[in-house]
Amino acid sequence: MKTIFRSLAVLLVAILFTMLFHRQAPGLNLLIFELLVVGSFLALNMFRPSSVLHYLILGGLGLSLLSTVMVHSVLAYLVNAAMFFIFAGMAAYPASGGLPATLLSSAHNVLTAPFRFLGSLVPKGKESGGGTPWLTPLIFTVLSLVVLMIFVMLYSASSPWFNAVLGSLGDGLREALQAITRWLDEDMVFLLVLGGLAGSVLWFGRANPRIVRMDVECHEALEMPDGESTRALAGHERVLAMGLLIVLNTLILLLNILDVRWVWLGFEWNGEYLRQFVHEGTWLLILSIVFSVLIVLYFFRGALNFSVRALWFKRLALLFLAQNAFLVLSVGMRNYWYIHYFALAYKRIAVILFLLLALYGLYTVAMKVKERRSLHYLLRRNSLAMMVLLVLASLLNWDNLIARYNVRHADRAFLHLDFMATLPDRSLPLLDIPPAALERIHARQVVLFPFTGRTYYMDPEEYTLRIKKRKAEFIERWESTGWLSWNYAEYRAYRRLMNTTVSQ
């Protein structure tokens, strides 16, 4: 496509983005924007999907876009932004061998594509296709005046003598700048820039030769080094690695046995907060798992993979990874007990998602050791797994899940009213607990958790007033919201609240 049409497309994208989002909350506008922009990009054959990776990224973009309207969570919007970012990199470099190269391509174009777009606005002369001869001097003149005004104001503010010499000139420039600021709509300028950035990354994205060369030269299978280096390096490192892995396997076996005894089979809760048991213990164990993986990767970075005498070393490494996988399950068991007694929260859900990635990561490291795979194999597989997991996670309404679970299990798990009162508006129907039911819950909570009655915890009366105020504010806000900001999650919450109000 000719440069002039690409430039026009970017300008149209910027204008469309501004029209859809100016003074509007995210909702249907994002769905309309991405369907029009990405749809037109595909319809004009700017990109043709031809591989499994292409369809996975397109599917992830579509699902994350759907979740922004249906779930309307922060996670959904963050995942959608990430998928749009990935899609732009894939469109610029369709031959990418995996997600790492696609991400690098995206990052490169975010930094360079806007400048290519701005450069396309400057005419190149008749030999380059002609152009308007007055545009370049006009742009240069405007930029020069802006630079001049900035420096005059800086020098006037920093030096009273300079300001005295200029006199009314400095005051006139300040007044002119203030008038321009009052005239400009800062939000509109920001949206124009953001929309222009999105459009330029799509329409002016290019494959970077260095990224392409690096991607082509990387392979999933390790290449065997020459025989001399294989024998020397394998013989030198095998003795040290064998001894280290035997000791590490012994230590982690002892840790796993203790976890089976005290976490899996014999756990007893005595009313404590469980913070050391879960928070500190969990992150220290996760850190130990990361170190364990790094140790295995260090020893299997080259020649040792091909040594004919490294069979037992590989078995020890695989045993070490398997024990780390069991350790991941033990961390999950700690998290289970925390949820059992202290209900659901965002970090506890994040731990579950992280542990799923950790298990898959340990599996890929085991495959690397067993099948002589490269670091590139690990990056490709684990980055793709993370993308798929985040897209799937964005489809769930975690806020409603937390609210529903915590209220239903308040007879045995701590119901933290301060935290519940901060859940988003789309969860208000679930947070609107009848006062009588809330008093019964509170009475049970005081028995199970004596610290509930402390003054720094919210009491049922304050919680009821807080939710009542939030309901009124939400209903008023929703009824004044334009159709571009519509989303299903808040619409459903509004309908449920109104039905409850009518029934009362």
Foldseek 3Di string as FASTA:
>chain_A
DDLVVLLVQLQVLLVLLLVLPPVAAAELSLVVSCCVNVVVCVVVVLDDDDDPVLVLLVVLLVLLSQLCFAQVDPLSVVLNVVSLLLNLLCSQPVVFPFSVLSNVLSVVLLVPLLVVSVVSVDDDDVVVPHDDPVVVVVVVVVVVVVVVLVVLQVVVVVDVVSVVVCPVVNVVSVVVVVVVVVVDDVVSVVSSVVSSSSSSSRSRRHRDPVSVVVRVPDDFADDADDDVCLVVVLVVVLVVLVVVLVVLLVVLVVVLVVLCCDQVPNDDDDQDLCCCVQVVVLVVLVVVLVVLLVSLCVSLQHSNLPDPPCVVVLVSSLSSLVSSLSSLVSSLSSLVVNCQAANDDDVSVVSVLVSVLSNVLSVVSNCCSVRVTHVVSSVRVSVSVVSVSSSVVSNDNVLLVRLQGLLVSLLRYPRQLVVNLPRDLLNLVSLQDPLVSLVVSVVSNCVSHVCCPDPVGDHSVVSNVSSVVSLVVLLVVVVPHDPSNRHNSSVVSNVSVVVVVVVD
